[in-house]
Amino acid sequence: MTAVMPPGAERFEIAHPGRYWDRLDDGRVECRVCPRRCRVREGGRGLCFVRGVQDGEMVLTTYGRSSGFCVDPIEKKPLNHFLPGTPILSFGTAGCNLTCKFCQNWEISKAREWERLNAAVSPEQIAAAAAELDCRSVAFTYNDPVIFLEYAVDTAIACRERGIKTVAVTAGYIEPEARAEFFRPMDAANVDLKAFTEDFYHKLSTAHLDPVLDTLRYLKHETDVWVEITTLLIPTRNDSDDELKALADWVVAELGPDVPLHFSAFHPDHKMRDLPPTPPSTLRQAREIARAAGVHHVYTGNVHDSDGGSTYCPGCGTRVIERDWYELGAWHLNEVGHCLSCGTRLAGVFDGPPGTWGRRRAPVRFR
């Protein structure tokens, strides 16, 4: 089918065939990747700005294009129970399917300037680069990889063929059919649970809470993907004791006590510059609430807090991984994650001795 281009419609420089869409009777195309179900006319784009309609079909306009590559510590994702201390090759593209007023990475996630994107890099090149750089994993991060599903999935498959693991850093706002394909080749995910009220999601992200909770249940109970959760605590918006207890209670009841929970500090940014940064005391209080609710592994993030950053054995209470920021200290586990004091097996992916990458960040350029 060749659609007629309406006046002012855009023809895309990159138009990789998209998946999960339907053609409607009125000529529009409905995207079925995320719950927004954007209905887009010829030459237009969805809210995420990277999925558009060309020749009557949904296409991805950023396939093979990245906003930058960097070798990060795995703890920066944050993942504390997945190959600790190892380097991870990280990249994103542009755009987002949420509209968070508090976005901490808005220069990329809200980008509309395609010159910000690097030259084309194929999935096979990314996998080869990770191997060459001695990275045991690749992260889809900086913006939400759900919106560049085809590129992320192809890259994850290419990585798996080389023995490289992959990590999705996502808000989990995705439709069930697309979700199954997206997570099938992934090894780990950190899901950004923005808050634990529908009101917050509706007013500050123009989204809904239930699809995110469904994604978390799916990951825990229907896949082998290792999952951790991060919640950015925003003063007066999602940091009340009652909401934090409700969140922690839900995690224990629906996912189990071994799913790590990270509480991170907010800094004023994007459209929410009128609020103060999160006080360290709020993070400590949130950690204590979640631990009292039964979550075994609760962490504080974006602050220097050795107690809140370290991992403790749920069996005997011994500090088994010492951390400050992204730096590992004393290690008290064997190579497959058993506590050396009591033998308890910690939940997570532990394979060999801890890495020694530390807190370094190393930009990577492709020729």
Protein backbone atom coordinates (compact mmCIF):
# COMPACT_ATOMS: atom_id res chain seq x y z
CA MET A 1 0.00 0.00 0.00
CA THR A 2 1.24 3.48 -0.87
CA ALA A 3 -0.48 6.20 1.09
CA VAL A 4 -0.95 9.73 -0.18
CA MET A 5 1.25 12.18 1.70
CA PRO A 6 -0.88 14.98 3.16
CA PRO A 7 0.44 18.54 2.93
CA GLY A 8 3.22 19.14 5.45
CA ALA A 9 3.69 15.45 6.23
CA GLU A 10 7.20 14.22 6.97
CA ARG A 11 9.16 11.61 5.02
CA PHE A 12 11.61 9.91 7.35
CA GLU A 13 15.32 9.52 6.70
CA ILE A 14 15.25 6.17 8.58
CA ALA A 15 12.15 4.00 8.19
CA HIS A 16 12.85 0.57 9.65
CA PRO A 17 9.75 -1.65 9.51
CA GLY A 18 7.93 -1.50 12.82
CA ARG A 19 6.00 -4.25 14.56
CA TYR A 20 2.77 -4.21 16.56
CA TRP A 21 0.43 -1.90 14.69
CA ASP A 22 -2.96 -1.98 12.95
CA ARG A 23 -4.30 -0.02 10.01
CA LEU A 24 -7.60 1.68 10.87
CA ASP A 25 -10.57 2.24 8.58
CA ASP A 26 -10.03 6.00 8.57
CA GLY A 27 -6.50 5.64 7.15
CA ARG A 28 -4.66 6.15 10.40
CA VAL A 29 -2.28 3.57 11.88
CA GLU A 30 -2.63 2.52 15.52
CA CYS A 31 0.61 1.66 17.33
CA ARG A 32 0.31 -1.34 19.70
CA VAL A 33 3.73 -1.16 21.37
CA CYS A 34 2.63 0.72 24.48
CA PRO A 35 -0.69 1.41 26.23
CA ARG A 36 -0.96 4.85 24.65
CA ARG A 37 -2.10 3.22 21.40
CA CYS A 38 -1.20 6.34 19.39
CA ARG A 39 -3.26 6.74 16.21
CA VAL A 40 -1.07 8.36 13.60
CA ARG A 41 -1.71 9.67 10.09
CA GLU A 42 0.62 9.36 7.13
CA GLY A 43 3.83 11.30 7.73
CA GLY A 44 3.08 11.81 11.42
CA ARG A 45 4.73 10.57 14.60
CA GLY A 46 3.45 9.06 17.84
CA LEU A 47 3.95 10.71 21.21
CA CYS A 48 7.32 8.97 21.62
CA PHE A 49 8.41 10.85 18.45
CA VAL A 50 10.44 7.90 17.11
CA ARG A 51 7.61 5.76 15.71
CA GLY A 52 5.88 7.21 12.67
CA VAL A 53 3.79 6.31 9.65
CA GLN A 54 5.28 6.06 6.16
CA ASP A 55 3.58 4.52 3.13
CA GLY A 56 0.72 3.43 5.35
CA GLU A 57 2.89 1.43 7.75
CA MET A 58 4.40 2.03 11.19
CA VAL A 59 8.16 2.54 11.09
CA LEU A 60 10.94 3.11 13.61
CA THR A 61 12.86 6.26 12.71
CA THR A 62 15.88 5.70 14.99
CA TYR A 63 16.90 2.12 14.17
CA GLY A 64 20.70 1.93 14.33
CA ARG A 65 21.08 5.47 15.67
CA SER A 66 22.23 6.19 19.22
CA SER A 67 22.50 9.26 21.43
CA GLY A 68 25.85 7.91 22.63
CA PHE A 69 27.70 4.87 23.96
CA CYS A 70 29.48 4.62 27.29
CA VAL A 71 30.97 1.90 29.45
CA ASP A 72 29.33 2.27 32.87
CA PRO A 73 29.45 0.34 36.13
CA ILE A 74 26.56 -2.15 36.23
CA GLU A 75 25.55 -0.57 39.56
CA LYS A 76 24.64 2.63 37.71
CA LYS A 77 21.61 1.02 36.01
CA PRO A 78 21.05 0.41 38.99
CA LEU A 79 21.56 -3.35 39.33
CA ASN A 80 23.15 -4.57 42.55
CA HIS A 81 22.52 -8.30 42.18
CA PHE A 82 23.55 -8.81 38.56
CA LEU A 83 27.26 -9.43 37.88
CA PRO A 84 28.38 -6.89 40.54
CA GLY A 85 31.39 -4.72 39.79
CA THR A 86 31.42 -5.44 36.05
CA PRO A 87 31.44 -2.92 33.19
CA ILE A 88 28.40 -2.64 30.94
CA LEU A 89 28.26 -1.05 27.48
CA SER A 90 25.33 1.38 27.66
CA PHE A 91 23.42 3.28 25.00
CA GLY A 92 20.08 4.84 24.16
CA THR A 93 18.45 6.64 21.25
CA ALA A 94 16.01 9.55 21.64
CA GLY A 95 12.42 10.10 22.65
CA CYS A 96 10.17 8.53 25.31
CA ASN A 97 6.61 7.23 25.64
CA LEU A 98 6.09 8.97 29.00
CA THR A 99 5.94 12.71 29.64
CA CYS A 100 7.39 12.89 33.16
CA LYS A 101 7.61 16.49 34.35
CA PHE A 102 10.45 15.45 36.69
CA CYS A 103 12.56 13.66 34.06
CA GLN A 104 16.19 13.44 35.21
CA ASN A 105 17.46 12.68 31.69
CA TRP A 106 15.26 14.95 29.61
CA GLU A 107 17.98 16.14 27.21
CA ILE A 108 17.86 12.66 25.65
CA SER A 109 14.39 11.37 26.45
CA LYS A 110 12.71 14.57 25.22
CA ALA A 111 15.12 15.11 22.32
CA ARG A 112 13.69 16.30 19.01
CA GLU A 113 17.02 17.19 17.39
CA TRP A 114 18.13 14.21 15.34
CA GLU A 115 21.62 15.65 14.88
CA ARG A 116 22.18 14.56 18.48
CA LEU A 117 22.21 10.97 17.24
CA ASN A 118 25.44 9.25 16.20
CA ALA A 119 26.16 7.57 12.90
CA ALA A 120 24.53 4.21 12.25
CA VAL A 121 25.70 1.30 14.42
CA SER A 122 24.32 -2.17 13.76
CA PRO A 123 23.31 -4.69 16.43
CA GLU A 124 26.23 -6.89 15.39
CA GLN A 125 28.68 -3.99 15.79
CA ILE A 126 27.38 -3.31 19.31
CA ALA A 127 27.77 -6.95 20.32
CA ALA A 128 31.29 -7.05 18.87
CA ALA A 129 32.24 -3.83 20.66
CA ALA A 130 31.01 -5.18 24.00
CA ALA A 131 33.18 -8.27 23.55
CA GLU A 132 36.19 -6.19 22.52
CA LEU A 133 35.74 -3.90 25.56
CA ASP A 134 35.45 -6.88 27.94
CA CYS A 135 31.90 -5.90 28.88
CA ARG A 136 29.86 -8.86 30.04
CA SER A 137 26.61 -7.07 29.25
CA VAL A 138 24.96 -4.34 27.18
CA ALA A 139 22.35 -1.94 28.59
CA PHE A 140 19.50 -0.26 26.74
CA THR A 141 19.19 2.88 28.83
CA TYR A 142 19.28 6.72 28.90
CA ASN A 143 15.83 6.68 27.25
CA ASP A 144 13.24 3.92 27.36
CA PRO A 145 14.12 1.03 25.01
CA VAL A 146 10.47 0.03 24.69
CA ILE A 147 10.09 2.69 22.01
CA PHE A 148 12.99 1.32 19.95
CA LEU A 149 11.85 -2.26 20.43
CA GLU A 150 13.03 -3.58 17.05
CA TYR A 151 16.57 -2.21 17.48
CA ALA A 152 16.80 -3.38 21.10
CA VAL A 153 15.55 -6.90 20.35
CA ASP A 154 17.87 -7.33 17.36
CA THR A 155 20.80 -6.11 19.46
CA ALA A 156 19.92 -8.43 22.35
CA ILE A 157 19.82 -11.39 19.96
CA ALA A 158 23.19 -10.43 18.46
CA CYS A 159 24.65 -10.13 21.97
CA ARG A 160 23.28 -13.49 23.06
CA GLU A 161 24.99 -15.13 20.08
CA ARG A 162 28.32 -13.85 21.47
CA GLY A 163 27.62 -14.77 25.08
CA ILE A 164 26.98 -11.13 26.05
CA LYS A 165 24.06 -10.49 28.42
CA THR A 166 21.60 -7.62 27.98
CA VAL A 167 19.82 -5.29 30.39
CA ALA A 168 16.69 -3.21 29.81
CA VAL A 169 16.33 -0.05 31.89
CA THR A 170 12.67 0.77 31.39
CA ALA A 171 9.53 2.26 32.85
CA GLY A 172 7.74 -0.96 31.91
CA TYR A 173 4.99 0.85 30.00
CA ILE A 174 4.39 -1.70 27.26
CA GLU A 175 1.55 -3.79 25.86
CA PRO A 176 1.49 -7.53 26.63
CA GLU A 177 2.10 -8.81 23.09
CA ALA A 178 5.04 -6.47 22.49
CA ARG A 179 6.27 -7.13 26.03
CA ALA A 180 6.71 -10.84 25.38
CA GLU A 181 8.99 -10.22 22.39
CA PHE A 182 10.85 -7.35 24.01
CA PHE A 183 11.88 -9.24 27.15
CA ARG A 184 12.40 -12.66 25.56
CA PRO A 185 16.11 -12.08 24.74
CA MET A 186 16.81 -9.92 27.82
CA ASP A 187 18.73 -11.17 30.85
CA ALA A 188 17.95 -8.43 33.38
CA ALA A 189 15.76 -5.37 33.80
CA ASN A 190 15.53 -2.43 36.12
CA VAL A 191 11.96 -1.18 36.09
CA ASP A 192 11.36 2.44 37.03
CA LEU A 193 8.27 2.39 39.23
CA LYS A 194 7.53 6.11 39.26
CA ALA A 195 5.21 6.03 42.26
CA PHE A 196 2.50 3.88 43.76
CA THR A 197 -0.60 5.96 42.99
CA GLU A 198 -2.63 6.32 39.81
CA ASP A 199 -2.94 10.06 40.54
CA PHE A 200 0.85 10.53 40.32
CA TYR A 201 1.10 8.62 37.04
CA HIS A 202 -1.83 10.50 35.53
CA LYS A 203 -0.79 14.02 36.55
CA LEU A 204 3.00 13.86 36.31
CA SER A 205 3.63 11.26 33.57
CA THR A 206 0.30 11.22 31.64
CA ALA A 207 0.30 7.45 32.02
CA HIS A 208 -1.24 4.75 34.22
CA LEU A 209 0.08 2.64 37.09
CA ASP A 210 -1.56 -0.72 36.36
CA PRO A 211 0.34 -1.54 33.13
CA VAL A 212 3.64 -1.08 35.00
CA LEU A 213 2.53 -3.37 37.81
CA ASP A 214 1.45 -5.91 35.19
CA THR A 215 4.92 -5.77 33.61
CA LEU A 216 6.55 -6.38 36.99
CA ARG A 217 4.32 -9.39 37.66
CA TYR A 218 5.03 -10.72 34.18
CA LEU A 219 8.80 -10.41 34.58
CA LYS A 220 8.84 -12.09 37.96
CA HIS A 221 6.42 -14.94 37.31
CA GLU A 222 6.58 -15.62 33.56
CA THR A 223 10.22 -15.03 32.59
CA ASP A 224 13.75 -15.78 33.74
CA VAL A 225 14.71 -12.09 33.55
CA TRP A 226 16.43 -10.84 36.71
CA VAL A 227 14.47 -7.79 37.88
CA GLU A 228 15.16 -4.89 40.23
CA ILE A 229 12.96 -1.85 40.87
CA THR A 230 13.84 1.83 41.21
CA THR A 231 11.64 4.60 42.58
CA LEU A 232 12.79 8.21 42.43
CA LEU A 233 11.58 9.86 45.62
CA ILE A 234 10.23 13.35 44.93
CA PRO A 235 9.56 15.53 47.99
CA THR A 236 5.80 15.88 48.71
CA ARG A 237 4.85 13.94 45.55
CA ASN A 238 5.52 10.24 46.22
CA ASP A 239 7.49 10.06 49.48
CA SER A 240 4.81 9.72 52.17
CA ASP A 241 5.25 6.91 54.67
CA ASP A 242 1.85 5.46 53.75
CA GLU A 243 2.64 5.30 50.03
CA LEU A 244 6.07 3.80 50.62
CA LYS A 245 4.61 1.12 52.90
CA ALA A 246 1.94 0.31 50.33
CA LEU A 247 4.60 -0.01 47.64
CA ALA A 248 6.79 -2.27 49.76
CA ASP A 249 3.83 -4.40 50.85
CA TRP A 250 2.87 -4.89 47.19
CA VAL A 251 6.41 -5.93 46.24
CA VAL A 252 6.53 -8.56 48.98
CA ALA A 253 3.03 -9.89 48.26
CA GLU A 254 3.16 -9.86 44.45
CA LEU A 255 6.84 -10.34 43.60
CA GLY A 256 8.42 -11.75 46.75
CA PRO A 257 10.91 -10.35 49.29
CA ASP A 258 14.04 -11.01 47.20
CA VAL A 259 13.31 -8.44 44.45
CA PRO A 260 15.72 -5.55 45.20
CA LEU A 261 14.16 -2.13 45.67
CA HIS A 262 16.15 1.08 45.04
CA PHE A 263 15.08 4.49 46.35
CA SER A 264 16.90 7.27 44.50
CA ALA A 265 17.28 10.96 45.26
CA PHE A 266 15.51 13.49 43.04
CA HIS A 267 17.20 16.69 41.87
CA PRO A 268 15.22 19.64 40.45
CA ASP A 269 15.11 19.33 36.66
CA HIS A 270 13.04 19.65 33.49
CA LYS A 271 9.58 21.00 34.49
CA MET A 272 9.92 20.45 38.23
CA ARG A 273 12.60 22.90 39.31
CA ASP A 274 10.53 24.36 42.12
CA LEU A 275 11.01 21.41 44.47
CA PRO A 276 14.08 20.80 46.66
CA PRO A 277 16.38 17.79 46.25
CA THR A 278 15.44 14.69 48.20
CA PRO A 279 16.95 14.84 51.70
CA PRO A 280 19.13 11.83 52.60
CA SER A 281 16.91 11.34 55.65
CA THR A 282 13.94 10.63 53.35
CA LEU A 283 15.89 7.89 51.58
CA ARG A 284 16.93 6.33 54.88
CA GLN A 285 13.34 6.44 56.14
CA ALA A 286 12.06 4.82 52.92
CA ARG A 287 14.66 2.08 53.28
CA GLU A 288 13.61 1.33 56.83
CA ILE A 289 9.91 1.24 55.88
CA ALA A 290 10.57 -1.25 53.07
CA ARG A 291 12.82 -3.43 55.21
CA ALA A 292 10.22 -3.48 57.98
CA ALA A 293 7.65 -4.57 55.38
CA GLY A 294 9.85 -7.57 54.56
CA VAL A 295 11.83 -6.54 51.47
CA HIS A 296 15.22 -8.22 51.90
CA HIS A 297 17.33 -5.88 49.76
CA VAL A 298 16.60 -2.14 49.88
CA TYR A 299 19.05 0.45 48.55
CA THR A 300 19.50 4.21 48.52
CA GLY A 301 20.76 5.87 45.36
CA ASN A 302 22.27 9.14 44.11
CA VAL A 303 23.81 9.73 47.55
CA HIS A 304 26.91 8.61 49.44
CA ASP A 305 25.49 6.07 51.88
CA SER A 306 27.54 2.97 52.52
CA ASP A 307 24.85 1.35 54.68
CA GLY A 308 22.13 2.03 52.12
CA GLY A 309 24.29 0.98 49.20
CA SER A 310 25.57 -2.28 50.67
CA THR A 311 24.07 -5.75 50.41
CA TYR A 312 23.28 -7.79 53.53
CA CYS A 313 22.65 -11.51 53.85
CA PRO A 314 18.96 -12.13 54.57
CA GLY A 315 19.96 -15.24 56.51
CA CYS A 316 22.44 -13.91 59.08
CA GLY A 317 22.61 -10.15 58.49
CA THR A 318 26.29 -10.10 57.48
CA ARG A 319 27.30 -7.35 55.06
CA VAL A 320 28.23 -9.44 52.03
CA ILE A 321 28.85 -6.66 49.47
CA GLU A 322 30.14 -3.30 50.65
CA ARG A 323 29.31 -0.37 48.35
CA ASP A 324 29.64 3.38 48.35
CA TRP A 325 28.10 5.03 45.30
CA TYR A 326 29.17 2.59 42.53
CA GLU A 327 32.39 1.43 44.19
CA LEU A 328 32.63 -2.07 45.68
CA GLY A 329 34.51 -2.69 48.93
CA ALA A 330 34.64 -5.80 51.11
CA TRP A 331 33.16 -8.95 49.50
CA HIS A 332 31.79 -11.83 51.57
CA LEU A 333 30.23 -14.18 48.99
CA ASN A 334 31.56 -17.18 47.13
CA GLU A 335 31.63 -17.15 43.32
CA VAL A 336 28.00 -18.25 42.93
CA GLY A 337 26.51 -15.93 45.57
CA HIS A 338 26.48 -17.91 48.83
CA CYS A 339 27.13 -16.02 52.08
CA LEU A 340 30.49 -17.11 53.50
CA SER A 341 29.15 -16.85 57.05
CA CYS A 342 25.97 -18.93 56.87
CA GLY A 343 25.77 -20.35 53.36
CA THR A 344 22.54 -18.56 52.38
CA ARG A 345 22.22 -18.19 48.61
CA LEU A 346 21.54 -14.56 47.71
CA ALA A 347 19.00 -13.90 44.99
CA GLY A 348 20.58 -12.58 41.82
CA VAL A 349 23.05 -13.42 39.08
CA PHE A 350 26.48 -14.07 40.59
CA ASP A 351 29.01 -15.71 38.30
CA GLY A 352 32.64 -15.67 39.37
CA PRO A 353 34.55 -13.16 41.48
CA PRO A 354 33.34 -9.54 41.72
CA GLY A 355 34.35 -7.17 38.96
CA THR A 356 36.81 -4.37 39.52
CA TRP A 357 35.43 -1.72 37.16
CA GLY A 358 34.57 0.70 39.98
CA ARG A 359 32.79 4.00 39.31
CA ARG A 360 34.52 4.85 36.03
CA ARG A 361 32.60 5.98 32.94
CA ALA A 362 34.30 5.61 29.57
CA PRO A 363 32.69 7.13 26.44
CA VAL A 364 32.86 4.91 23.37
CA ARG A 365 32.95 6.12 19.77
CA PHE A 366 32.20 3.99 16.72
CA ARG A 367 33.97 4.75 13.49
